[in-house]
Amino acid sequence: GAGSDGVGVDGVSSGVVKSGAEGSEESSEIEASQASRTGHT
C-alpha cells in the first residue's frame, strides 16, 4: 500500500494556505510539480 507515511496519494502533504503573490507563486510550483508527476505516472 501507499500513503502510509501520511503523504497523500499525489505526494503533496496538506499545509498552511498562503495568500498574495507568495501563495500564487507556490500554487504555480505545485501545479507544475503535479503536472510533472502526472507525466511520469
PDB file of all heavy atoms in Angstrom:
ATOM      1  N   GLY A   1       0.813  -1.199   0.000  1.00  0.00           N
ATOM      2  CA  GLY A   1       0.000   0.000   0.000  1.00  0.00           C
ATOM      3  C   GLY A   1       0.844   1.245   0.000  1.00  0.00           C
ATOM      4  O   GLY A   1       2.003   1.240   0.365  1.00  0.00           O
ATOM      5  N   ALA A   2       0.248   2.335  -0.395  1.00  0.00           N
ATOM      6  CA  ALA A   2       0.940   3.612  -0.443  1.00  0.00           C
ATOM      7  C   ALA A   2       0.276   4.577   0.509  1.00  0.00           C
ATOM      8  O   ALA A   2      -0.851   4.396   0.933  1.00  0.00           O
ATOM      9  CB  ALA A   2       0.923   4.160  -1.868  1.00  0.00           C
ATOM     10  N   GLY A   3       0.998   5.610   0.839  1.00  0.00           N
ATOM     11  CA  GLY A   3       0.433   6.657   1.645  1.00  0.00           C
ATOM     12  C   GLY A   3       0.487   6.401   3.129  1.00  0.00           C
ATOM     13  O   GLY A   3      -0.135   7.112   3.897  1.00  0.00           O
ATOM     14  N   SER A   4       1.232   5.398   3.583  1.00  0.00           N
ATOM     15  CA  SER A   4       1.270   5.063   4.988  1.00  0.00           C
ATOM     16  C   SER A   4       2.090   6.047   5.797  1.00  0.00           C
ATOM     17  O   SER A   4       2.022   6.068   7.015  1.00  0.00           O
ATOM     18  CB  SER A   4       1.843   3.650   5.171  1.00  0.00           C
ATOM     19  OG  SER A   4       3.141   3.564   4.617  1.00  0.00           O
ATOM     20  N   ASP A   5       2.899   6.839   5.122  1.00  0.00           N
ATOM     21  CA  ASP A   5       3.728   7.799   5.853  1.00  0.00           C
ATOM     22  C   ASP A   5       3.015   9.131   6.054  1.00  0.00           C
ATOM     23  O   ASP A   5       3.612  10.108   6.477  1.00  0.00           O
ATOM     24  CB  ASP A   5       5.040   8.036   5.088  1.00  0.00           C
ATOM     25  CG  ASP A   5       4.799   8.499   3.669  1.00  0.00           C
ATOM     26  OD1 ASP A   5       3.619   8.579   3.243  1.00  0.00           O
ATOM     27  OD2 ASP A   5       5.783   8.782   2.984  1.00  0.00           O
ATOM     28  N   GLY A   6       1.732   9.179   5.707  1.00  0.00           N
ATOM     29  CA  GLY A   6       0.976  10.404   5.927  1.00  0.00           C
ATOM     30  C   GLY A   6       0.952  11.333   4.743  1.00  0.00           C
ATOM     31  O   GLY A   6       0.278  12.349   4.759  1.00  0.00           O
ATOM     32  N   VAL A   7       1.695  10.963   3.696  1.00  0.00           N
ATOM     33  CA  VAL A   7       1.710  11.780   2.487  1.00  0.00           C
ATOM     34  C   VAL A   7       0.551  11.357   1.611  1.00  0.00           C
ATOM     35  O   VAL A   7       0.251  10.176   1.471  1.00  0.00           O
ATOM     36  CB  VAL A   7       3.039  11.609   1.727  1.00  0.00           C
ATOM     37  CG1 VAL A   7       3.040  12.432   0.458  1.00  0.00           C
ATOM     38  CG2 VAL A   7       4.200  12.007   2.629  1.00  0.00           C
ATOM     39  N   GLY A   8      -0.124  12.287   0.996  1.00  0.00           N
ATOM     40  CA  GLY A   8      -1.289  11.978   0.165  1.00  0.00           C
ATOM     41  C   GLY A   8      -0.903  11.175  -1.047  1.00  0.00           C
ATOM     42  O   GLY A   8       0.266  11.043  -1.401  1.00  0.00           O
ATOM     43  N   VAL A   9      -1.892  10.654  -1.736  1.00  0.00           N
ATOM     44  CA  VAL A   9      -1.639   9.810  -2.894  1.00  0.00           C
ATOM     45  C   VAL A   9      -0.969  10.585  -4.018  1.00  0.00           C
ATOM     46  O   VAL A   9      -0.319   9.994  -4.879  1.00  0.00           O
ATOM     47  CB  VAL A   9      -2.963   9.186  -3.407  1.00  0.00           C
ATOM     48  CG1 VAL A   9      -3.506   8.208  -2.406  1.00  0.00           C
ATOM     49  CG2 VAL A   9      -3.980  10.275  -3.720  1.00  0.00           C
ATOM     50  N   ASP A  10      -1.102  11.886  -4.030  1.00  0.00           N
ATOM     51  CA  ASP A  10      -0.440  12.674  -5.063  1.00  0.00           C
ATOM     52  C   ASP A  10       0.918  13.152  -4.606  1.00  0.00           C
ATOM     53  O   ASP A  10       1.606  13.872  -5.319  1.00  0.00           O
ATOM     54  CB  ASP A  10      -1.312  13.877  -5.481  1.00  0.00           C
ATOM     55  CG  ASP A  10      -1.564  14.817  -4.313  1.00  0.00           C
ATOM     56  OD1 ASP A  10      -1.195  14.458  -3.169  1.00  0.00           O
ATOM     57  OD2 ASP A  10      -2.112  15.910  -4.553  1.00  0.00           O
ATOM     58  N   GLY A  11       1.343  12.714  -3.409  1.00  0.00           N
ATOM     59  CA  GLY A  11       2.666  13.064  -2.933  1.00  0.00           C
ATOM     60  C   GLY A  11       2.736  14.432  -2.325  1.00  0.00           C
ATOM     61  O   GLY A  11       3.800  14.889  -1.930  1.00  0.00           O
ATOM     62  N   VAL A  12       1.603  15.153  -2.181  1.00  0.00           N
ATOM     63  CA  VAL A  12       1.620  16.513  -1.642  1.00  0.00           C
ATOM     64  C   VAL A  12       0.931  16.501  -0.295  1.00  0.00           C
ATOM     65  O   VAL A  12      -0.233  16.137  -0.194  1.00  0.00           O
ATOM     66  CB  VAL A  12       0.892  17.493  -2.585  1.00  0.00           C
ATOM     67  CG1 VAL A  12       0.951  18.891  -2.001  1.00  0.00           C
ATOM     68  CG2 VAL A  12       1.526  17.454  -3.972  1.00  0.00           C
ATOM     69  N   SER A  13       1.634  16.889   0.742  1.00  0.00           N
ATOM     70  CA  SER A  13       1.020  16.927   2.069  1.00  0.00           C
ATOM     71  C   SER A  13       0.270  18.236   2.234  1.00  0.00           C
ATOM     72  O   SER A  13       0.583  19.242   1.616  1.00  0.00           O
ATOM     73  CB  SER A  13       2.105  16.808   3.160  1.00  0.00           C
ATOM     74  OG  SER A  13       3.035  17.848   3.028  1.00  0.00           O
ATOM     75  N   SER A  14      -0.767  18.180   3.076  1.00  0.00           N
ATOM     76  CA  SER A  14      -1.549  19.388   3.307  1.00  0.00           C
ATOM     77  C   SER A  14      -0.745  20.373   4.130  1.00  0.00           C
ATOM     78  O   SER A  14      -0.003  19.992   5.025  1.00  0.00           O
ATOM     79  CB  SER A  14      -2.840  19.013   4.043  1.00  0.00           C
ATOM     80  OG  SER A  14      -2.529  18.358   5.263  1.00  0.00           O
ATOM     81  N   GLY A  15      -0.893  21.661   3.814  1.00  0.00           N
ATOM     82  CA  GLY A  15      -0.100  22.657   4.530  1.00  0.00           C
ATOM     83  C   GLY A  15      -0.931  23.913   4.784  1.00  0.00           C
ATOM     84  O   GLY A  15      -2.136  23.943   4.579  1.00  0.00           O
ATOM     85  N   VAL A  16      -0.271  24.977   5.242  1.00  0.00           N
ATOM     86  CA  VAL A  16      -0.951  26.238   5.545  1.00  0.00           C
ATOM     87  C   VAL A  16      -1.224  26.981   4.249  1.00  0.00           C
ATOM     88  O   VAL A  16      -0.357  27.101   3.388  1.00  0.00           O
ATOM     89  CB  VAL A  16      -0.080  27.112   6.472  1.00  0.00           C
ATOM     90  CG1 VAL A  16      -0.780  28.426   6.766  1.00  0.00           C
ATOM     91  CG2 VAL A  16       0.216  26.347   7.759  1.00  0.00           C
ATOM     92  N   VAL A  17      -2.445  27.488   4.105  1.00  0.00           N
ATOM     93  CA  VAL A  17      -2.809  28.227   2.890  1.00  0.00           C
ATOM     94  C   VAL A  17      -2.218  29.622   2.963  1.00  0.00           C
ATOM     95  O   VAL A  17      -2.365  30.326   3.955  1.00  0.00           O
ATOM     96  CB  VAL A  17      -4.347  28.307   2.742  1.00  0.00           C
ATOM     97  CG1 VAL A  17      -4.708  29.111   1.505  1.00  0.00           C
ATOM     98  CG2 VAL A  17      -4.945  26.901   2.684  1.00  0.00           C
ATOM     99  N   LYS A  18      -1.530  30.016   1.894  1.00  0.00           N
ATOM    100  CA  LYS A  18      -0.918  31.339   1.838  1.00  0.00           C
ATOM    101  C   LYS A  18      -1.682  32.181   0.841  1.00  0.00           C
ATOM    102  O   LYS A  18      -2.295  31.667  -0.091  1.00  0.00           O
ATOM    103  CB  LYS A  18       0.556  31.237   1.428  1.00  0.00           C
ATOM    104  CG  LYS A  18       1.432  30.519   2.478  1.00  0.00           C
ATOM    105  CD  LYS A  18       2.864  30.547   2.042  1.00  0.00           C
ATOM    106  CE  LYS A  18       3.784  29.928   3.089  1.00  0.00           C
ATOM    107  NZ  LYS A  18       3.572  28.524   3.307  1.00  0.00           N
ATOM    108  N   SER A  19      -1.598  33.491   0.994  1.00  0.00           N
ATOM    109  CA  SER A  19      -2.309  34.401   0.100  1.00  0.00           C
ATOM    110  C   SER A  19      -1.317  35.316  -0.586  1.00  0.00           C
ATOM    111  O   SER A  19      -0.151  35.362  -0.227  1.00  0.00           O
ATOM    112  CB  SER A  19      -3.318  35.230   0.904  1.00  0.00           C
ATOM    113  OG  SER A  19      -2.652  35.972   1.908  1.00  0.00           O
ATOM    114  N   GLY A  20      -1.824  36.070  -1.604  1.00  0.00           N
ATOM    115  CA  GLY A  20      -0.983  37.055  -2.269  1.00  0.00           C
ATOM    116  C   GLY A  20      -0.059  36.410  -3.267  1.00  0.00           C
ATOM    117  O   GLY A  20      -0.256  35.297  -3.739  1.00  0.00           O
ATOM    118  N   ALA A  21       1.032  37.173  -3.587  1.00  0.00           N
ATOM    119  CA  ALA A  21       1.986  36.730  -4.606  1.00  0.00           C
ATOM    120  C   ALA A  21       2.676  35.441  -4.188  1.00  0.00           C
ATOM    121  O   ALA A  21       2.941  34.558  -5.004  1.00  0.00           O
ATOM    122  CB  ALA A  21       3.022  37.839  -4.855  1.00  0.00           C
ATOM    123  N   GLU A  22       2.984  35.356  -2.856  1.00  0.00           N
ATOM    124  CA  GLU A  22       3.680  34.162  -2.374  1.00  0.00           C
ATOM    125  C   GLU A  22       2.823  32.922  -2.579  1.00  0.00           C
ATOM    126  O   GLU A  22       3.280  31.891  -3.034  1.00  0.00           O
ATOM    127  CB  GLU A  22       3.995  34.343  -0.885  1.00  0.00           C
ATOM    128  CG  GLU A  22       4.768  33.154  -0.299  1.00  0.00           C
ATOM    129  CD  GLU A  22       5.009  33.351   1.185  1.00  0.00           C
ATOM    130  OE1 GLU A  22       4.665  34.412   1.705  1.00  0.00           O
ATOM    131  OE2 GLU A  22       5.558  32.412   1.799  1.00  0.00           O
ATOM    132  N   GLY A  23       1.503  33.085  -2.251  1.00  0.00           N
ATOM    133  CA  GLY A  23       0.605  31.948  -2.422  1.00  0.00           C
ATOM    134  C   GLY A  23       0.423  31.601  -3.882  1.00  0.00           C
ATOM    135  O   GLY A  23       0.346  30.433  -4.251  1.00  0.00           O
ATOM    136  N   SER A  24       0.328  32.614  -4.752  1.00  0.00           N
ATOM    137  CA  SER A  24       0.161  32.363  -6.185  1.00  0.00           C
ATOM    138  C   SER A  24       1.372  31.658  -6.769  1.00  0.00           C
ATOM    139  O   SER A  24       1.242  30.736  -7.568  1.00  0.00           O
ATOM    140  CB  SER A  24      -0.080  33.698  -6.897  1.00  0.00           C
ATOM    141  OG  SER A  24      -0.160  33.493  -8.289  1.00  0.00           O
ATOM    142  N   GLU A  25       2.584  32.137  -6.336  1.00  0.00           N
ATOM    143  CA  GLU A  25       3.821  31.526  -6.850  1.00  0.00           C
ATOM    144  C   GLU A  25       3.920  30.075  -6.401  1.00  0.00           C
ATOM    145  O   GLU A  25       4.270  29.193  -7.184  1.00  0.00           O
ATOM    146  CB  GLU A  25       5.020  32.331  -6.345  1.00  0.00           C
ATOM    147  CG  GLU A  25       6.357  31.785  -6.868  1.00  0.00           C
ATOM    148  CD  GLU A  25       7.521  32.627  -6.364  1.00  0.00           C
ATOM    149  OE1 GLU A  25       7.273  33.689  -5.762  1.00  0.00           O
ATOM    150  OE2 GLU A  25       8.654  32.192  -6.580  1.00  0.00           O
ATOM    151  N   GLU A  26       3.592  29.839  -5.115  1.00  0.00           N
ATOM    152  CA  GLU A  26       3.670  28.468  -4.594  1.00  0.00           C
ATOM    153  C   GLU A  26       2.641  27.585  -5.280  1.00  0.00           C
ATOM    154  O   GLU A  26       2.891  26.427  -5.577  1.00  0.00           O
ATOM    155  CB  GLU A  26       3.430  28.480  -3.089  1.00  0.00           C
ATOM    156  CG  GLU A  26       3.605  27.106  -2.452  1.00  0.00           C
ATOM    157  CD  GLU A  26       3.584  27.204  -0.945  1.00  0.00           C
ATOM    158  OE1 GLU A  26       4.075  28.208  -0.410  1.00  0.00           O
ATOM    159  OE2 GLU A  26       3.067  26.261  -0.319  1.00  0.00           O
ATOM    160  N   SER A  27       1.442  28.169  -5.560  1.00  0.00           N
ATOM    161  CA  SER A  27       0.410  27.402  -6.248  1.00  0.00           C
ATOM    162  C   SER A  27       0.869  26.986  -7.638  1.00  0.00           C
ATOM    163  O   SER A  27       0.628  25.857  -8.072  1.00  0.00           O
ATOM    164  CB  SER A  27      -0.863  28.236  -6.333  1.00  0.00           C
ATOM    165  OG  SER A  27      -1.851  27.541  -7.064  1.00  0.00           O
ATOM    166  N   SER A  28       1.569  27.899  -8.340  1.00  0.00           N
ATOM    167  CA  SER A  28       2.071  27.585  -9.679  1.00  0.00           C
ATOM    168  C   SER A  28       3.102  26.464  -9.620  1.00  0.00           C
ATOM    169  O   SER A  28       3.141  25.566 -10.466  1.00  0.00           O
ATOM    170  CB  SER A  28       2.683  28.831 -10.321  1.00  0.00           C
ATOM    171  OG  SER A  28       1.708  29.841 -10.460  1.00  0.00           O
ATOM    172  N   GLU A  29       3.980  26.524  -8.591  1.00  0.00           N
ATOM    173  CA  GLU A  29       5.009  25.495  -8.434  1.00  0.00           C
ATOM    174  C   GLU A  29       4.362  24.132  -8.166  1.00  0.00           C
ATOM    175  O   GLU A  29       4.793  23.101  -8.700  1.00  0.00           O
ATOM    176  CB  GLU A  29       5.950  25.872  -7.301  1.00  0.00           C
ATOM    177  CG  GLU A  29       6.841  27.071  -7.614  1.00  0.00           C
ATOM    178  CD  GLU A  29       7.703  27.447  -6.413  1.00  0.00           C
ATOM    179  OE1 GLU A  29       7.523  26.815  -5.348  1.00  0.00           O
ATOM    180  OE2 GLU A  29       8.542  28.349  -6.563  1.00  0.00           O
ATOM    181  N   ILE A  30       3.308  24.150  -7.333  1.00  0.00           N
ATOM    182  CA  ILE A  30       2.626  22.896  -7.019  1.00  0.00           C
ATOM    183  C   ILE A  30       1.976  22.314  -8.274  1.00  0.00           C
ATOM    184  O   ILE A  30       2.055  21.116  -8.553  1.00  0.00           O
ATOM    185  CB  ILE A  30       1.574  23.118  -5.918  1.00  0.00           C
ATOM    186  CG1 ILE A  30       2.267  23.425  -4.593  1.00  0.00           C
ATOM    187  CG2 ILE A  30       0.667  21.901  -5.773  1.00  0.00           C
ATOM    188  CD1 ILE A  30       1.315  23.776  -3.475  1.00  0.00           C
ATOM    189  N   GLU A  31       1.311  23.220  -9.082  1.00  0.00           N
ATOM    190  CA  GLU A  31       0.678  22.746 -10.301  1.00  0.00           C
ATOM    191  C   GLU A  31       1.695  22.171 -11.270  1.00  0.00           C
ATOM    192  O   GLU A  31       1.455  21.145 -11.912  1.00  0.00           O
ATOM    193  CB  GLU A  31      -0.092  23.888 -10.960  1.00  0.00           C
ATOM    194  CG  GLU A  31      -1.326  24.324 -10.170  1.00  0.00           C
ATOM    195  CD  GLU A  31      -1.994  25.526 -10.799  1.00  0.00           C
ATOM    196  OE1 GLU A  31      -1.474  26.011 -11.821  1.00  0.00           O
ATOM    197  OE2 GLU A  31      -3.034  25.969 -10.278  1.00  0.00           O
ATOM    198  N   ALA A  32       2.855  22.841 -11.377  1.00  0.00           N
ATOM    199  CA  ALA A  32       3.909  22.342 -12.265  1.00  0.00           C
ATOM    200  C   ALA A  32       4.423  20.986 -11.781  1.00  0.00           C
ATOM    201  O   ALA A  32       4.676  20.072 -12.573  1.00  0.00           O
ATOM    202  CB  ALA A  32       5.055  23.355 -12.341  1.00  0.00           C
ATOM    203  N   SER A  33       4.578  20.885 -10.450  1.00  0.00           N
ATOM    204  CA  SER A  33       5.059  19.624  -9.881  1.00  0.00           C
ATOM    205  C   SER A  33       4.057  18.509 -10.124  1.00  0.00           C
ATOM    206  O   SER A  33       4.424  17.389 -10.474  1.00  0.00           O
ATOM    207  CB  SER A  33       5.300  19.805  -8.383  1.00  0.00           C
ATOM    208  OG  SER A  33       5.696  18.582  -7.795  1.00  0.00           O
ATOM    209  N   GLN A  34       2.749  18.837  -9.947  1.00  0.00           N
ATOM    210  CA  GLN A  34       1.724  17.827 -10.179  1.00  0.00           C
ATOM    211  C   GLN A  34       1.679  17.408 -11.641  1.00  0.00           C
ATOM    212  O   GLN A  34       1.504  16.228 -11.961  1.00  0.00           O
ATOM    213  CB  GLN A  34       0.366  18.370  -9.750  1.00  0.00           C
ATOM    214  CG  GLN A  34       0.207  18.491  -8.237  1.00  0.00           C
ATOM    215  CD  GLN A  34      -1.129  19.117  -7.855  1.00  0.00           C
ATOM    216  OE1 GLN A  34      -1.708  19.852  -8.653  1.00  0.00           O
ATOM    217  NE2 GLN A  34      -1.584  18.836  -6.642  1.00  0.00           N
ATOM    218  N   ALA A  35       1.852  18.364 -12.549  1.00  0.00           N
ATOM    219  CA  ALA A  35       1.863  18.040 -13.980  1.00  0.00           C
ATOM    220  C   ALA A  35       3.029  17.131 -14.315  1.00  0.00           C
ATOM    221  O   ALA A  35       2.915  16.186 -15.102  1.00  0.00           O
ATOM    222  CB  ALA A  35       1.932  19.328 -14.811  1.00  0.00           C
ATOM    223  N   SER A  36       4.193  17.424 -13.695  1.00  0.00           N
ATOM    224  CA  SER A  36       5.365  16.589 -13.930  1.00  0.00           C
ATOM    225  C   SER A  36       5.131  15.178 -13.433  1.00  0.00           C
ATOM    226  O   SER A  36       5.455  14.202 -14.109  1.00  0.00           O
ATOM    227  CB  SER A  36       6.586  17.208 -13.227  1.00  0.00           C
ATOM    228  OG  SER A  36       7.707  16.373 -13.363  1.00  0.00           O
ATOM    229  N   ARG A  37       4.525  15.117 -12.222  1.00  0.00           N
ATOM    230  CA  ARG A  37       4.259  13.797 -11.667  1.00  0.00           C
ATOM    231  C   ARG A  37       3.244  13.040 -12.506  1.00  0.00           C
ATOM    232  O   ARG A  37       3.326  11.831 -12.684  1.00  0.00           O
ATOM    233  CB  ARG A  37       3.755  13.928 -10.228  1.00  0.00           C
ATOM    234  CG  ARG A  37       4.890  14.092  -9.205  1.00  0.00           C
ATOM    235  CD  ARG A  37       4.334  13.932  -7.801  1.00  0.00           C
ATOM    236  NE  ARG A  37       3.389  14.997  -7.462  1.00  0.00           N
ATOM    237  CZ  ARG A  37       3.740  16.156  -6.932  1.00  0.00           C
ATOM    238  NH1 ARG A  37       5.020  16.417  -6.720  1.00  0.00           N
ATOM    239  NH2 ARG A  37       2.849  17.074  -6.645  1.00  0.00           N
ATOM    240  N   THR A  38       2.258  13.748 -13.032  1.00  0.00           N
ATOM    241  CA  THR A  38       1.263  13.115 -13.889  1.00  0.00           C
ATOM    242  C   THR A  38       1.901  12.542 -15.142  1.00  0.00           C
ATOM    243  O   THR A  38       1.585  11.438 -15.588  1.00  0.00           O
ATOM    244  CB  THR A  38       0.170  14.124 -14.279  1.00  0.00           C
ATOM    245  OG1 THR A  38      -0.449  14.613 -13.090  1.00  0.00           O
ATOM    246  CG2 THR A  38      -0.875  13.471 -15.170  1.00  0.00           C
ATOM    247  N   GLY A  39       2.863  13.312 -15.705  1.00  0.00           N
ATOM    248  CA  GLY A  39       3.586  12.830 -16.881  1.00  0.00           C
ATOM    249  C   GLY A  39       4.377  11.577 -16.575  1.00  0.00           C
ATOM    250  O   GLY A  39       4.370  10.608 -17.343  1.00  0.00           O
ATOM    251  N   HIS A  40       5.064  11.590 -15.412  1.00  0.00           N
ATOM    252  CA  HIS A  40       5.825  10.403 -15.016  1.00  0.00           C
ATOM    253  C   HIS A  40       4.900   9.217 -14.778  1.00  0.00           C
ATOM    254  O   HIS A  40       5.214   8.084 -15.138  1.00  0.00           O
ATOM    255  CB  HIS A  40       6.628  10.684 -13.740  1.00  0.00           C
ATOM    256  CG  HIS A  40       7.809  11.586 -13.966  1.00  0.00           C
ATOM    257  ND1 HIS A  40       8.774  11.300 -14.902  1.00  0.00           N
ATOM    258  CD2 HIS A  40       8.175  12.756 -13.362  1.00  0.00           C
ATOM    259  CE1 HIS A  40       9.704  12.257 -14.884  1.00  0.00           C
ATOM    260  NE2 HIS A  40       9.360  13.160 -13.959  1.00  0.00           N
ATOM    261  N   THR A  41       3.743   9.477 -14.180  1.00  0.00           N
ATOM    262  CA  THR A  41       2.779   8.412 -13.915  1.00  0.00           C
ATOM    263  C   THR A  41       2.263   7.804 -15.207  1.00  0.00           C
ATOM    264  O   THR A  41       2.133   6.583 -15.335  1.00  0.00           O
ATOM    265  CB  THR A  41       1.596   8.942 -13.088  1.00  0.00           C
ATOM    266  OG1 THR A  41       2.091   9.487 -11.861  1.00  0.00           O
ATOM    267  CG2 THR A  41       0.604   7.827 -12.784  1.00  0.00           C
TER     268      THR A  41
END
